[in-house]
N, C-alpha and C. Protein backbone atom coordinates (compact mmCIF):
# COMPACT_ATOMS: atom_id res chain seq x y z
N MET A 1 -0.86 2.16 -20.59
CA MET A 1 -1.04 1.80 -19.18
C MET A 1 -0.11 0.68 -18.78
N ALA A 2 -0.12 -0.40 -19.59
CA ALA A 2 0.74 -1.54 -19.29
C ALA A 2 2.20 -1.15 -19.41
N LEU A 3 2.46 -0.25 -20.40
CA LEU A 3 3.85 0.18 -20.59
C LEU A 3 4.34 0.95 -19.38
N ASP A 4 3.46 1.82 -18.82
CA ASP A 4 3.83 2.56 -17.63
C ASP A 4 4.10 1.60 -16.47
N SER A 5 3.25 0.62 -16.31
CA SER A 5 3.42 -0.36 -15.24
C SER A 5 4.73 -1.10 -15.42
N PHE A 6 5.02 -1.50 -16.65
CA PHE A 6 6.26 -2.21 -16.93
C PHE A 6 7.47 -1.35 -16.59
N ALA A 7 7.44 -0.09 -17.03
CA ALA A 7 8.59 0.80 -16.81
C ALA A 7 8.87 0.99 -15.34
N VAL A 8 7.82 1.21 -14.55
CA VAL A 8 8.00 1.42 -13.10
C VAL A 8 8.55 0.16 -12.44
N MET A 9 7.91 -0.97 -12.73
CA MET A 9 8.34 -2.23 -12.11
C MET A 9 9.76 -2.59 -12.54
N ASN A 10 10.10 -2.31 -13.79
CA ASN A 10 11.43 -2.63 -14.30
C ASN A 10 12.50 -1.84 -13.57
N VAL A 11 12.27 -0.55 -13.38
CA VAL A 11 13.25 0.30 -12.68
C VAL A 11 13.40 -0.15 -11.22
N VAL A 12 12.27 -0.42 -10.58
CA VAL A 12 12.31 -0.87 -9.18
C VAL A 12 13.09 -2.17 -9.06
N GLY A 13 12.80 -3.11 -9.96
CA GLY A 13 13.49 -4.40 -9.92
C GLY A 13 14.98 -4.27 -10.18
N LEU A 14 15.34 -3.46 -11.15
CA LEU A 14 16.76 -3.26 -11.48
C LEU A 14 17.52 -2.69 -10.29
N LEU A 15 16.97 -1.65 -9.71
CA LEU A 15 17.65 -0.99 -8.58
C LEU A 15 17.79 -1.94 -7.39
N ALA A 16 16.70 -2.63 -7.08
CA ALA A 16 16.70 -3.52 -5.92
C ALA A 16 17.69 -4.67 -6.08
N PHE A 17 17.65 -5.33 -7.23
CA PHE A 17 18.53 -6.48 -7.43
C PHE A 17 19.99 -6.07 -7.59
N ALA A 18 20.24 -4.87 -8.13
CA ALA A 18 21.62 -4.39 -8.22
C ALA A 18 22.20 -4.20 -6.82
N VAL A 19 21.39 -3.67 -5.93
CA VAL A 19 21.83 -3.49 -4.53
C VAL A 19 22.12 -4.84 -3.89
N VAL A 20 21.21 -5.79 -4.06
CA VAL A 20 21.37 -7.10 -3.45
C VAL A 20 22.60 -7.83 -3.99
N GLY A 21 22.75 -7.84 -5.31
CA GLY A 21 23.89 -8.53 -5.92
C GLY A 21 25.21 -7.91 -5.50
N SER A 22 25.25 -6.60 -5.44
CA SER A 22 26.48 -5.91 -5.05
C SER A 22 26.83 -6.18 -3.59
N LEU A 23 25.82 -6.19 -2.72
CA LEU A 23 26.08 -6.47 -1.30
C LEU A 23 26.60 -7.90 -1.11
N ARG A 24 26.08 -8.82 -1.90
CA ARG A 24 26.57 -10.20 -1.82
C ARG A 24 28.03 -10.27 -2.29
N ALA A 25 28.38 -9.49 -3.29
CA ALA A 25 29.76 -9.46 -3.78
C ALA A 25 30.69 -8.85 -2.74
N ILE A 26 30.22 -7.80 -2.08
CA ILE A 26 31.02 -7.16 -1.03
C ILE A 26 31.24 -8.15 0.10
N ASP A 27 30.20 -8.89 0.45
CA ASP A 27 30.30 -9.90 1.51
C ASP A 27 31.31 -10.98 1.13
N ALA A 28 31.40 -11.29 -0.17
CA ALA A 28 32.35 -12.30 -0.65
C ALA A 28 33.75 -11.71 -0.89
N GLU A 29 33.91 -10.43 -0.55
CA GLU A 29 35.19 -9.73 -0.64
C GLU A 29 35.69 -9.61 -2.09
N PHE A 30 34.77 -9.35 -3.01
CA PHE A 30 35.14 -9.05 -4.38
C PHE A 30 35.76 -7.66 -4.42
N ASP A 31 36.59 -7.41 -5.45
CA ASP A 31 37.09 -6.05 -5.63
C ASP A 31 35.98 -5.19 -6.25
N LEU A 32 36.26 -3.91 -6.47
CA LEU A 32 35.23 -2.99 -6.94
C LEU A 32 34.64 -3.41 -8.29
N LEU A 33 35.50 -3.87 -9.19
CA LEU A 33 35.00 -4.32 -10.48
C LEU A 33 34.10 -5.55 -10.31
N GLY A 34 34.52 -6.47 -9.46
CA GLY A 34 33.72 -7.65 -9.20
C GLY A 34 32.36 -7.30 -8.61
N VAL A 35 32.35 -6.32 -7.71
CA VAL A 35 31.10 -5.86 -7.11
C VAL A 35 30.18 -5.30 -8.18
N ALA A 36 30.75 -4.48 -9.06
CA ALA A 36 29.96 -3.88 -10.13
C ALA A 36 29.42 -4.94 -11.08
N VAL A 37 30.26 -5.89 -11.45
CA VAL A 37 29.84 -6.94 -12.38
C VAL A 37 28.72 -7.78 -11.78
N LEU A 38 28.89 -8.20 -10.53
CA LEU A 38 27.86 -9.04 -9.91
C LEU A 38 26.56 -8.25 -9.73
N GLY A 39 26.68 -6.99 -9.33
CA GLY A 39 25.49 -6.16 -9.16
C GLY A 39 24.72 -5.98 -10.46
N VAL A 40 25.45 -5.67 -11.53
CA VAL A 40 24.80 -5.44 -12.83
C VAL A 40 24.21 -6.74 -13.37
N MET A 41 24.94 -7.84 -13.25
CA MET A 41 24.45 -9.12 -13.76
C MET A 41 23.23 -9.60 -12.98
N THR A 42 23.22 -9.36 -11.68
CA THR A 42 22.05 -9.74 -10.88
C THR A 42 20.84 -8.93 -11.29
N ALA A 43 21.08 -7.65 -11.57
CA ALA A 43 19.98 -6.76 -11.97
C ALA A 43 19.44 -7.10 -13.35
N LEU A 44 20.33 -7.42 -14.28
CA LEU A 44 19.91 -7.61 -15.68
C LEU A 44 19.54 -9.05 -16.02
N GLY A 45 20.01 -10.01 -15.23
CA GLY A 45 19.85 -11.42 -15.58
C GLY A 45 18.42 -11.84 -15.86
N GLY A 46 17.51 -11.48 -14.97
CA GLY A 46 16.13 -11.89 -15.14
C GLY A 46 15.47 -11.25 -16.35
N GLY A 47 15.71 -9.95 -16.53
CA GLY A 47 15.10 -9.23 -17.64
C GLY A 47 15.61 -9.70 -19.00
N VAL A 48 16.90 -9.94 -19.08
CA VAL A 48 17.47 -10.42 -20.34
C VAL A 48 16.90 -11.79 -20.70
N THR A 49 16.81 -12.67 -19.71
CA THR A 49 16.23 -14.00 -19.94
C THR A 49 14.77 -13.88 -20.37
N ARG A 50 14.05 -13.01 -19.71
CA ARG A 50 12.63 -12.75 -20.05
C ARG A 50 12.47 -12.37 -21.51
N ASP A 51 13.26 -11.40 -21.95
CA ASP A 51 13.14 -10.91 -23.32
C ASP A 51 13.55 -11.96 -24.35
N LEU A 52 14.59 -12.71 -24.06
CA LEU A 52 15.03 -13.75 -24.98
C LEU A 52 13.96 -14.82 -25.16
N LEU A 53 13.24 -15.13 -24.08
CA LEU A 53 12.22 -16.17 -24.15
C LEU A 53 11.03 -15.77 -25.03
N VAL A 54 10.83 -14.47 -25.20
CA VAL A 54 9.75 -14.02 -26.10
C VAL A 54 10.32 -13.53 -27.43
N ASP A 55 11.55 -13.96 -27.71
CA ASP A 55 12.19 -13.66 -28.99
C ASP A 55 12.30 -12.16 -29.27
N SER A 56 12.75 -11.44 -28.25
CA SER A 56 12.91 -10.00 -28.37
C SER A 56 14.32 -9.59 -27.95
N VAL A 57 14.84 -8.56 -28.61
CA VAL A 57 16.15 -8.04 -28.19
C VAL A 57 15.99 -7.49 -26.78
N PRO A 58 16.82 -7.93 -25.84
CA PRO A 58 16.68 -7.48 -24.44
C PRO A 58 16.64 -5.97 -24.31
N VAL A 59 15.72 -5.50 -23.48
CA VAL A 59 15.59 -4.06 -23.23
C VAL A 59 16.92 -3.47 -22.78
N ALA A 60 17.68 -4.24 -21.99
CA ALA A 60 18.95 -3.75 -21.45
C ALA A 60 19.96 -3.44 -22.56
N LEU A 61 19.79 -4.05 -23.74
CA LEU A 61 20.72 -3.84 -24.84
C LEU A 61 20.23 -2.78 -25.82
N ARG A 62 19.01 -2.31 -25.64
CA ARG A 62 18.44 -1.33 -26.56
C ARG A 62 18.60 0.10 -26.08
N SER A 63 18.95 0.28 -24.82
CA SER A 63 19.18 1.63 -24.29
C SER A 63 20.14 1.52 -23.12
N THR A 64 20.58 2.67 -22.65
CA THR A 64 21.51 2.69 -21.52
C THR A 64 20.78 2.85 -20.18
N THR A 65 19.47 2.95 -20.24
CA THR A 65 18.70 3.20 -19.01
C THR A 65 18.86 2.09 -17.99
N ASP A 66 18.68 0.83 -18.43
CA ASP A 66 18.75 -0.29 -17.50
C ASP A 66 20.12 -0.38 -16.83
N VAL A 67 21.17 -0.26 -17.62
CA VAL A 67 22.52 -0.34 -17.07
C VAL A 67 22.78 0.82 -16.11
N SER A 68 22.28 2.00 -16.47
CA SER A 68 22.47 3.17 -15.60
C SER A 68 21.80 2.98 -14.25
N VAL A 69 20.58 2.44 -14.27
CA VAL A 69 19.86 2.19 -13.02
C VAL A 69 20.60 1.13 -12.20
N ALA A 70 21.10 0.10 -12.88
CA ALA A 70 21.84 -0.96 -12.18
C ALA A 70 23.11 -0.39 -11.54
N LEU A 71 23.81 0.47 -12.24
CA LEU A 71 25.02 1.06 -11.69
C LEU A 71 24.71 1.98 -10.50
N LEU A 72 23.55 2.60 -10.55
CA LEU A 72 23.12 3.41 -9.40
C LEU A 72 22.91 2.50 -8.19
N GLY A 73 22.33 1.33 -8.43
CA GLY A 73 22.16 0.35 -7.36
C GLY A 73 23.49 -0.11 -6.79
N VAL A 74 24.47 -0.30 -7.66
CA VAL A 74 25.81 -0.69 -7.22
C VAL A 74 26.39 0.39 -6.30
N ALA A 75 26.23 1.66 -6.70
CA ALA A 75 26.73 2.77 -5.89
C ALA A 75 26.07 2.80 -4.52
N VAL A 76 24.76 2.56 -4.49
CA VAL A 76 24.04 2.52 -3.22
C VAL A 76 24.57 1.40 -2.33
N ALA A 77 24.82 0.24 -2.94
CA ALA A 77 25.32 -0.91 -2.18
C ALA A 77 26.72 -0.63 -1.62
N VAL A 78 27.57 0.01 -2.40
CA VAL A 78 28.92 0.34 -1.93
C VAL A 78 28.83 1.28 -0.72
N ALA A 79 27.89 2.22 -0.79
CA ALA A 79 27.71 3.14 0.34
C ALA A 79 27.22 2.36 1.57
N LEU A 80 26.27 1.45 1.36
CA LEU A 80 25.76 0.65 2.47
C LEU A 80 26.85 -0.27 3.03
N GLY A 81 27.73 -0.73 2.15
CA GLY A 81 28.80 -1.61 2.58
C GLY A 81 29.71 -0.96 3.60
N HIS A 82 29.84 0.36 3.52
CA HIS A 82 30.69 1.07 4.48
C HIS A 82 30.10 1.06 5.88
N PHE A 83 28.80 0.76 5.97
CA PHE A 83 28.13 0.71 7.28
C PHE A 83 27.97 -0.72 7.78
N GLY A 84 28.64 -1.66 7.12
CA GLY A 84 28.63 -3.04 7.57
C GLY A 84 27.41 -3.84 7.20
N VAL A 85 26.55 -3.29 6.32
CA VAL A 85 25.33 -4.01 5.94
C VAL A 85 25.66 -5.32 5.24
N ALA A 86 26.68 -5.31 4.40
CA ALA A 86 27.02 -6.49 3.60
C ALA A 86 27.58 -7.64 4.45
N ASP A 87 27.92 -7.33 5.70
CA ASP A 87 28.44 -8.38 6.57
C ASP A 87 27.34 -9.28 7.12
N ARG A 88 26.09 -8.92 6.86
CA ARG A 88 24.96 -9.73 7.32
C ARG A 88 23.99 -9.93 6.16
N THR A 89 23.98 -11.13 5.61
CA THR A 89 23.10 -11.40 4.47
C THR A 89 21.63 -11.47 4.91
N ASP A 90 21.40 -11.54 6.25
CA ASP A 90 20.03 -11.55 6.74
C ASP A 90 19.60 -10.17 7.22
N HIS A 91 20.39 -9.14 6.90
CA HIS A 91 20.06 -7.78 7.29
C HIS A 91 18.81 -7.33 6.53
N SER A 92 17.98 -6.54 7.16
CA SER A 92 16.76 -6.08 6.51
C SER A 92 17.05 -5.24 5.27
N LEU A 93 18.20 -4.57 5.24
CA LEU A 93 18.56 -3.77 4.09
C LEU A 93 19.08 -4.63 2.94
N VAL A 94 19.19 -5.93 3.16
CA VAL A 94 19.48 -6.88 2.08
C VAL A 94 18.21 -7.63 1.70
N LEU A 95 17.49 -8.10 2.70
CA LEU A 95 16.28 -8.89 2.46
C LEU A 95 15.16 -8.06 1.84
N LEU A 96 15.00 -6.82 2.28
CA LEU A 96 13.90 -6.00 1.78
C LEU A 96 14.05 -5.66 0.29
N PRO A 97 15.23 -5.17 -0.14
CA PRO A 97 15.38 -4.93 -1.59
C PRO A 97 15.22 -6.20 -2.41
N ASP A 98 15.65 -7.33 -1.86
CA ASP A 98 15.51 -8.59 -2.58
C ASP A 98 14.03 -8.93 -2.78
N ALA A 99 13.22 -8.72 -1.74
CA ALA A 99 11.78 -8.97 -1.85
C ALA A 99 11.14 -8.00 -2.85
N VAL A 100 11.58 -6.76 -2.82
CA VAL A 100 11.06 -5.76 -3.75
C VAL A 100 11.42 -6.15 -5.19
N GLY A 101 12.68 -6.54 -5.40
CA GLY A 101 13.12 -6.93 -6.73
C GLY A 101 12.37 -8.14 -7.25
N LEU A 102 12.16 -9.13 -6.39
CA LEU A 102 11.42 -10.32 -6.78
C LEU A 102 10.00 -9.95 -7.22
N ALA A 103 9.35 -9.11 -6.44
CA ALA A 103 7.97 -8.71 -6.76
C ALA A 103 7.91 -7.92 -8.06
N ALA A 104 8.83 -6.98 -8.21
CA ALA A 104 8.81 -6.13 -9.41
C ALA A 104 9.11 -6.93 -10.67
N PHE A 105 10.12 -7.78 -10.63
CA PHE A 105 10.49 -8.53 -11.83
C PHE A 105 9.51 -9.64 -12.16
N ALA A 106 8.92 -10.26 -11.16
CA ALA A 106 7.88 -11.24 -11.44
C ALA A 106 6.73 -10.56 -12.18
N THR A 107 6.44 -9.33 -11.80
CA THR A 107 5.36 -8.58 -12.45
C THR A 107 5.73 -8.22 -13.88
N THR A 108 6.97 -7.79 -14.13
CA THR A 108 7.35 -7.46 -15.51
C THR A 108 7.28 -8.70 -16.39
N GLY A 109 7.66 -9.85 -15.82
CA GLY A 109 7.58 -11.08 -16.57
C GLY A 109 6.14 -11.40 -16.98
N ALA A 110 5.21 -11.22 -16.05
CA ALA A 110 3.80 -11.47 -16.34
C ALA A 110 3.26 -10.49 -17.37
N LEU A 111 3.68 -9.24 -17.28
CA LEU A 111 3.24 -8.23 -18.25
C LEU A 111 3.73 -8.55 -19.66
N VAL A 112 5.00 -8.89 -19.76
CA VAL A 112 5.58 -9.20 -21.08
C VAL A 112 4.93 -10.46 -21.65
N ALA A 113 4.71 -11.46 -20.81
CA ALA A 113 4.10 -12.70 -21.27
C ALA A 113 2.69 -12.45 -21.81
N THR A 114 1.95 -11.61 -21.12
CA THR A 114 0.58 -11.29 -21.56
C THR A 114 0.61 -10.53 -22.88
N SER A 115 1.53 -9.57 -22.99
CA SER A 115 1.64 -8.80 -24.24
C SER A 115 2.05 -9.68 -25.41
N ALA A 116 2.83 -10.72 -25.12
CA ALA A 116 3.29 -11.63 -26.17
C ALA A 116 2.25 -12.70 -26.50
N GLY A 117 1.13 -12.70 -25.78
CA GLY A 117 0.08 -13.66 -26.06
C GLY A 117 0.38 -15.07 -25.60
N LEU A 118 1.19 -15.21 -24.56
CA LEU A 118 1.53 -16.54 -24.07
C LEU A 118 0.36 -17.18 -23.32
N SER A 119 0.43 -18.49 -23.17
CA SER A 119 -0.60 -19.24 -22.46
C SER A 119 -0.51 -18.93 -20.96
N PRO A 120 -1.52 -19.35 -20.19
CA PRO A 120 -1.43 -19.18 -18.73
C PRO A 120 -0.15 -19.77 -18.16
N PHE A 121 0.24 -20.94 -18.66
CA PHE A 121 1.49 -21.55 -18.21
C PHE A 121 2.67 -20.66 -18.55
N GLY A 122 2.64 -20.07 -19.75
CA GLY A 122 3.71 -19.17 -20.17
C GLY A 122 3.80 -17.95 -19.30
N VAL A 123 2.66 -17.43 -18.86
CA VAL A 123 2.65 -16.25 -17.99
C VAL A 123 3.33 -16.58 -16.66
N VAL A 124 2.99 -17.73 -16.10
CA VAL A 124 3.57 -18.13 -14.82
C VAL A 124 5.06 -18.40 -14.96
N VAL A 125 5.44 -19.08 -16.03
CA VAL A 125 6.86 -19.39 -16.25
C VAL A 125 7.67 -18.11 -16.41
N LEU A 126 7.18 -17.19 -17.22
CA LEU A 126 7.94 -15.96 -17.46
C LEU A 126 8.01 -15.10 -16.20
N ALA A 127 6.94 -15.08 -15.41
CA ALA A 127 6.97 -14.34 -14.15
C ALA A 127 8.03 -14.93 -13.23
N THR A 128 8.08 -16.25 -13.19
CA THR A 128 9.03 -16.93 -12.29
C THR A 128 10.47 -16.76 -12.75
N VAL A 129 10.70 -17.00 -14.03
CA VAL A 129 12.06 -16.89 -14.57
C VAL A 129 12.59 -15.47 -14.42
N THR A 130 11.74 -14.49 -14.68
CA THR A 130 12.18 -13.10 -14.56
C THR A 130 12.48 -12.74 -13.10
N GLY A 131 11.66 -13.26 -12.21
CA GLY A 131 11.85 -12.94 -10.80
C GLY A 131 13.10 -13.55 -10.19
N VAL A 132 13.42 -14.78 -10.59
CA VAL A 132 14.54 -15.48 -9.94
C VAL A 132 15.79 -15.51 -10.81
N GLY A 133 15.69 -15.06 -12.06
CA GLY A 133 16.83 -15.16 -12.98
C GLY A 133 18.08 -14.46 -12.49
N GLY A 134 17.92 -13.25 -11.97
CA GLY A 134 19.08 -12.52 -11.48
C GLY A 134 19.76 -13.22 -10.33
N GLY A 135 18.96 -13.78 -9.42
CA GLY A 135 19.52 -14.51 -8.29
C GLY A 135 20.27 -15.75 -8.72
N LEU A 136 19.76 -16.44 -9.76
CA LEU A 136 20.44 -17.61 -10.29
C LEU A 136 21.81 -17.23 -10.84
N VAL A 137 21.85 -16.13 -11.60
CA VAL A 137 23.12 -15.66 -12.15
C VAL A 137 24.09 -15.31 -11.03
N SER A 138 23.57 -14.63 -10.02
CA SER A 138 24.40 -14.24 -8.87
C SER A 138 25.01 -15.45 -8.19
N ASP A 139 24.19 -16.48 -7.94
CA ASP A 139 24.69 -17.68 -7.28
C ASP A 139 25.74 -18.40 -8.12
N LEU A 140 25.52 -18.45 -9.42
CA LEU A 140 26.49 -19.13 -10.29
C LEU A 140 27.82 -18.39 -10.30
N LEU A 141 27.78 -17.06 -10.33
CA LEU A 141 29.02 -16.28 -10.31
C LEU A 141 29.74 -16.40 -8.97
N LEU A 142 28.96 -16.65 -7.91
CA LEU A 142 29.56 -16.85 -6.58
C LEU A 142 29.92 -18.31 -6.34
N GLN A 143 29.69 -19.13 -7.37
CA GLN A 143 29.98 -20.57 -7.30
C GLN A 143 29.18 -21.26 -6.19
N ASN A 144 27.93 -20.85 -6.06
CA ASN A 144 27.01 -21.48 -5.12
C ASN A 144 25.92 -22.23 -5.87
N VAL A 145 25.40 -23.28 -5.25
CA VAL A 145 24.22 -23.93 -5.81
C VAL A 145 23.07 -22.93 -5.69
N PRO A 146 22.36 -22.62 -6.79
CA PRO A 146 21.26 -21.64 -6.71
C PRO A 146 20.32 -21.97 -5.56
N PHE A 147 20.18 -21.01 -4.64
CA PHE A 147 19.42 -21.30 -3.42
C PHE A 147 17.93 -21.50 -3.71
N VAL A 148 17.44 -20.99 -4.84
CA VAL A 148 16.02 -21.18 -5.15
C VAL A 148 15.70 -22.63 -5.44
N LEU A 149 16.74 -23.44 -5.68
CA LEU A 149 16.53 -24.85 -5.99
C LEU A 149 16.61 -25.75 -4.77
N VAL A 150 17.18 -25.24 -3.70
CA VAL A 150 17.44 -26.13 -2.56
C VAL A 150 16.85 -25.64 -1.24
N GLU A 151 16.43 -24.39 -1.16
CA GLU A 151 15.93 -23.92 0.12
C GLU A 151 15.07 -22.69 -0.06
N ASP A 152 14.34 -22.37 1.00
CA ASP A 152 13.59 -21.14 1.11
C ASP A 152 12.33 -21.11 0.26
N PHE A 153 11.39 -20.29 0.68
CA PHE A 153 10.12 -20.08 -0.01
C PHE A 153 10.31 -18.82 -0.86
N TYR A 154 10.91 -19.00 -2.04
CA TYR A 154 11.32 -17.85 -2.85
C TYR A 154 10.68 -17.88 -4.23
N ALA A 155 11.09 -18.85 -5.04
CA ALA A 155 10.53 -18.95 -6.39
C ALA A 155 9.02 -19.18 -6.33
N THR A 156 8.56 -19.84 -5.28
CA THR A 156 7.13 -20.10 -5.12
C THR A 156 6.33 -18.79 -5.07
N CYS A 157 6.92 -17.77 -4.48
CA CYS A 157 6.25 -16.46 -4.41
C CYS A 157 6.01 -15.92 -5.82
N ALA A 158 7.02 -16.05 -6.69
CA ALA A 158 6.89 -15.56 -8.06
C ALA A 158 5.87 -16.41 -8.84
N ILE A 159 5.87 -17.71 -8.59
CA ILE A 159 4.90 -18.59 -9.26
C ILE A 159 3.48 -18.17 -8.90
N LEU A 160 3.22 -17.97 -7.62
CA LEU A 160 1.89 -17.58 -7.16
C LEU A 160 1.52 -16.19 -7.67
N GLY A 161 2.52 -15.31 -7.76
CA GLY A 161 2.26 -13.98 -8.31
C GLY A 161 1.83 -14.05 -9.76
N GLY A 162 2.50 -14.92 -10.53
CA GLY A 162 2.13 -15.10 -11.93
C GLY A 162 0.71 -15.64 -12.07
N VAL A 163 0.36 -16.57 -11.21
CA VAL A 163 -1.00 -17.14 -11.22
C VAL A 163 -2.03 -16.05 -10.91
N VAL A 164 -1.74 -15.25 -9.89
CA VAL A 164 -2.65 -14.18 -9.50
C VAL A 164 -2.82 -13.17 -10.63
N PHE A 165 -1.72 -12.82 -11.30
CA PHE A 165 -1.79 -11.87 -12.41
C PHE A 165 -2.69 -12.42 -13.52
N TRP A 166 -2.48 -13.68 -13.88
CA TRP A 166 -3.29 -14.27 -14.94
C TRP A 166 -4.75 -14.32 -14.55
N LEU A 167 -5.05 -14.72 -13.32
CA LEU A 167 -6.43 -14.77 -12.87
C LEU A 167 -7.08 -13.38 -12.89
N ALA A 168 -6.32 -12.38 -12.46
CA ALA A 168 -6.85 -11.02 -12.41
C ALA A 168 -7.19 -10.52 -13.81
N THR A 169 -6.30 -10.74 -14.77
CA THR A 169 -6.57 -10.28 -16.14
C THR A 169 -7.69 -11.10 -16.78
N THR A 170 -7.79 -12.36 -16.41
CA THR A 170 -8.82 -13.23 -16.99
C THR A 170 -10.23 -12.80 -16.58
N VAL A 171 -10.38 -12.33 -15.35
CA VAL A 171 -11.71 -11.90 -14.89
C VAL A 171 -12.02 -10.46 -15.27
N GLY A 172 -11.13 -9.84 -16.05
CA GLY A 172 -11.42 -8.52 -16.58
C GLY A 172 -10.77 -7.35 -15.88
N ILE A 173 -9.93 -7.62 -14.90
CA ILE A 173 -9.21 -6.52 -14.24
C ILE A 173 -8.13 -6.03 -15.21
N GLY A 174 -7.96 -4.74 -15.30
CA GLY A 174 -6.98 -4.17 -16.22
C GLY A 174 -5.56 -4.57 -15.87
N ARG A 175 -4.66 -4.38 -16.83
CA ARG A 175 -3.27 -4.79 -16.60
C ARG A 175 -2.60 -4.01 -15.48
N ARG A 176 -2.89 -2.74 -15.39
CA ARG A 176 -2.23 -1.95 -14.36
C ARG A 176 -2.63 -2.40 -12.96
N PRO A 177 -3.94 -2.52 -12.67
CA PRO A 177 -4.33 -3.04 -11.36
C PRO A 177 -3.82 -4.47 -11.14
N SER A 178 -3.84 -5.28 -12.20
CA SER A 178 -3.35 -6.66 -12.08
C SER A 178 -1.87 -6.68 -11.73
N ALA A 179 -1.12 -5.75 -12.33
CA ALA A 179 0.32 -5.66 -12.04
C ALA A 179 0.56 -5.29 -10.58
N LEU A 180 -0.22 -4.35 -10.08
CA LEU A 180 -0.08 -3.94 -8.68
C LEU A 180 -0.44 -5.08 -7.73
N VAL A 181 -1.50 -5.81 -8.07
CA VAL A 181 -1.90 -6.94 -7.23
C VAL A 181 -0.83 -8.02 -7.24
N CYS A 182 -0.29 -8.31 -8.42
CA CYS A 182 0.77 -9.31 -8.56
C CYS A 182 1.98 -8.93 -7.70
N ALA A 183 2.42 -7.69 -7.84
CA ALA A 183 3.59 -7.24 -7.07
C ALA A 183 3.32 -7.31 -5.57
N ALA A 184 2.13 -6.91 -5.17
CA ALA A 184 1.79 -6.92 -3.74
C ALA A 184 1.77 -8.35 -3.19
N VAL A 185 1.19 -9.26 -3.96
CA VAL A 185 1.12 -10.66 -3.51
C VAL A 185 2.51 -11.25 -3.34
N VAL A 186 3.36 -11.04 -4.33
CA VAL A 186 4.71 -11.60 -4.27
C VAL A 186 5.48 -10.98 -3.10
N PHE A 187 5.39 -9.68 -2.94
CA PHE A 187 6.11 -8.98 -1.89
C PHE A 187 5.65 -9.44 -0.50
N VAL A 188 4.35 -9.48 -0.29
CA VAL A 188 3.82 -9.88 1.02
C VAL A 188 4.17 -11.34 1.33
N LEU A 189 4.02 -12.21 0.35
CA LEU A 189 4.36 -13.61 0.56
C LEU A 189 5.84 -13.77 0.93
N ARG A 190 6.69 -13.02 0.25
CA ARG A 190 8.12 -13.12 0.54
C ARG A 190 8.43 -12.62 1.95
N LEU A 191 7.80 -11.53 2.35
CA LEU A 191 8.02 -11.02 3.71
C LEU A 191 7.52 -12.01 4.75
N LEU A 192 6.37 -12.62 4.49
CA LEU A 192 5.84 -13.61 5.42
C LEU A 192 6.76 -14.83 5.49
N ALA A 193 7.31 -15.21 4.34
CA ALA A 193 8.23 -16.36 4.32
C ALA A 193 9.47 -16.08 5.15
N ILE A 194 9.96 -14.85 5.06
CA ILE A 194 11.14 -14.46 5.84
C ILE A 194 10.79 -14.43 7.33
N ARG A 195 9.64 -13.82 7.63
CA ARG A 195 9.24 -13.65 9.03
C ARG A 195 9.00 -14.98 9.73
N TYR A 196 8.34 -15.90 9.03
CA TYR A 196 7.97 -17.17 9.66
C TYR A 196 8.84 -18.35 9.19
N GLU A 197 9.89 -18.02 8.43
CA GLU A 197 10.86 -19.03 7.97
C GLU A 197 10.19 -20.19 7.24
N TRP A 198 9.32 -19.84 6.31
CA TRP A 198 8.66 -20.87 5.51
C TRP A 198 9.66 -21.55 4.60
N GLU A 199 9.51 -22.82 4.44
CA GLU A 199 10.33 -23.59 3.49
C GLU A 199 9.47 -24.68 2.87
N LEU A 200 9.76 -25.01 1.64
CA LEU A 200 9.09 -26.13 1.01
C LEU A 200 9.66 -27.44 1.55
N PRO A 201 8.85 -28.47 1.64
CA PRO A 201 9.35 -29.75 2.15
C PRO A 201 10.36 -30.36 1.19
N THR A 202 11.34 -31.05 1.73
CA THR A 202 12.30 -31.76 0.91
C THR A 202 11.84 -33.22 0.74
N VAL A 203 12.37 -33.87 -0.28
CA VAL A 203 12.00 -35.25 -0.56
C VAL A 203 12.78 -36.18 0.35
């Protein structure tokens, strides 16, 4: 059951973040190779970090499935780029996949953390790192300060999703329903943050 949940969320996250990373590369006027590299790295960054933190060989290196899904996302982004989507980073076709990817990967992080027997803190950390890892890689390759550190209500959504997942499993809800609840919470929070321009206070 948990494996099925992981597989679905993993594919959704890979596809969504590959699209987002590729569109950002197109917006930055990267060549085709650069677009592919940024798209794939954005898609794989969070998952690879997740697996390394639990001392496991990254799933992306054990089969060609993850890379294939990421490359499919790159192809989708290139097609969208022809319609001018990449010229607006606030376009719904950029923001929506990003929210989907954040929700899906935060959930895979929580699932892996639970399977590895991590503490509640570990579950939240792995959910957060997995959710935002790809975006951090993307920002670094674009030579930007990672936006999750300086603006927007983004990583907070993954943190709260991890908390919700842990609470759900603690009270006896199965992993599959907990995964769906986690993904829904992160996704809805992210959409609300975009809609109402939520931001954390600065010091």
